[in-house]
Amino acid sequence: MFNKKRLIQTESLSYAISVKSTLNDHNIPYTERVDAGSGWMQFITLLFVSGRGSYGLNSDHKQTYSVYVNEDRYEQAVKLISRL
């Protein structure tokens, strides 16, 4: 992501939503990314090792939410979300 800096990385969906809402309220454009952990490789390993895949039932499958902003708006965004 050219000219972008990661503002936050969190596992909390509610915090990510609060950050995005604050950025929207102050007209700061952002890009978001959601990573869902190791996904299919972990499922396949569980399937062959234990004989059953429990993908989605295990709380270890966490999503990570990242929000990126343009470098020129980064300092402003940091100040705004520090109040959350």
Protein backbone atom coordinates (compact mmCIF):
# COMPACT_ATOMS: atom_id res chain seq x y z
CA MET A 1 0.00 0.00 0.00
CA PHE A 2 1.81 3.04 -1.28
CA ASN A 3 1.80 6.14 0.90
CA LYS A 4 -0.25 4.35 3.56
CA LYS A 5 0.56 3.70 7.21
CA ARG A 6 -1.14 1.20 9.45
CA LEU A 7 -3.14 3.11 12.01
CA ILE A 8 -4.38 0.13 14.02
CA GLN A 9 -4.28 -3.65 14.13
CA THR A 10 -6.75 -5.26 16.50
CA GLU A 11 -8.82 -8.38 17.11
CA SER A 12 -11.70 -6.26 18.41
CA LEU A 13 -14.39 -5.69 15.81
CA SER A 14 -16.08 -3.03 17.95
CA TYR A 15 -12.83 -1.04 18.26
CA ALA A 16 -12.19 -1.29 14.51
CA ILE A 17 -15.71 0.00 13.85
CA SER A 18 -15.20 2.88 16.30
CA VAL A 19 -11.95 3.86 14.58
CA LYS A 20 -13.53 3.75 11.12
CA SER A 21 -16.51 5.78 12.32
CA THR A 22 -14.19 8.43 13.79
CA LEU A 23 -12.22 8.61 10.55
CA ASN A 24 -15.46 8.95 8.56
CA ASP A 25 -16.68 11.72 10.85
CA HIS A 26 -13.50 13.69 10.12
CA ASN A 27 -13.38 12.89 6.38
CA ILE A 28 -10.16 10.92 6.63
CA PRO A 29 -10.03 8.25 3.91
CA TYR A 30 -8.87 4.80 5.00
CA THR A 31 -8.31 1.29 3.71
CA GLU A 32 -9.10 -1.75 5.77
CA ARG A 33 -7.89 -5.31 5.76
CA VAL A 34 -9.24 -8.36 7.58
CA ASP A 35 -7.03 -11.40 8.15
CA ALA A 36 -8.73 -14.56 9.31
CA GLY A 37 -5.76 -16.42 10.75
CA SER A 38 -4.29 -19.55 9.23
CA GLY A 39 -7.57 -20.67 7.69
CA TRP A 40 -7.58 -23.67 5.42
CA MET A 41 -4.17 -25.04 6.35
CA GLN A 42 -5.20 -25.33 9.99
CA PHE A 43 -8.52 -26.92 8.95
CA ILE A 44 -6.78 -29.51 6.78
CA THR A 45 -4.30 -30.30 9.55
CA LEU A 46 -7.14 -30.78 12.04
CA LEU A 47 -8.98 -32.97 9.56
CA PHE A 48 -6.05 -35.34 8.98
CA VAL A 49 -4.67 -35.37 12.52
CA SER A 50 -7.90 -35.68 14.48
CA GLY A 51 -10.12 -37.16 11.79
CA ARG A 52 -12.50 -34.23 12.02
CA GLY A 53 -12.25 -30.60 11.13
CA SER A 54 -13.72 -28.22 13.66
CA TYR A 55 -13.14 -25.03 11.69
CA GLY A 56 -15.32 -22.26 13.06
CA LEU A 57 -16.05 -23.98 16.35
CA ASN A 58 -12.70 -23.25 17.93
CA SER A 59 -12.19 -19.81 19.47
CA ASP A 60 -8.57 -19.86 18.26
CA HIS A 61 -9.79 -18.79 14.80
CA LYS A 62 -9.58 -15.05 15.31
CA GLN A 63 -9.82 -12.26 12.81
CA THR A 64 -7.40 -9.37 12.79
CA TYR A 65 -8.64 -5.99 11.61
CA SER A 66 -6.17 -3.44 10.22
CA VAL A 67 -6.92 0.14 9.21
CA TYR A 68 -4.54 2.14 7.03
CA VAL A 69 -4.52 5.88 6.33
CA ASN A 70 -2.51 8.11 4.02
CA GLU A 71 0.82 9.19 5.47
CA ASP A 72 -0.15 12.87 5.29
CA ARG A 73 -3.24 12.26 7.51
CA TYR A 74 -1.61 9.77 9.88
CA GLU A 75 -0.76 12.17 12.75
CA GLN A 76 -4.25 13.66 12.69
CA ALA A 77 -5.80 10.18 12.74
CA VAL A 78 -3.60 9.08 15.67
CA LYS A 79 -4.74 12.09 17.72
CA LEU A 80 -8.39 11.42 16.94
CA ILE A 81 -8.37 7.74 17.88
CA SER A 82 -6.35 8.32 21.04
CA ARG A 83 -9.61 9.57 22.55
CA LEU A 84 -11.39 6.24 21.96
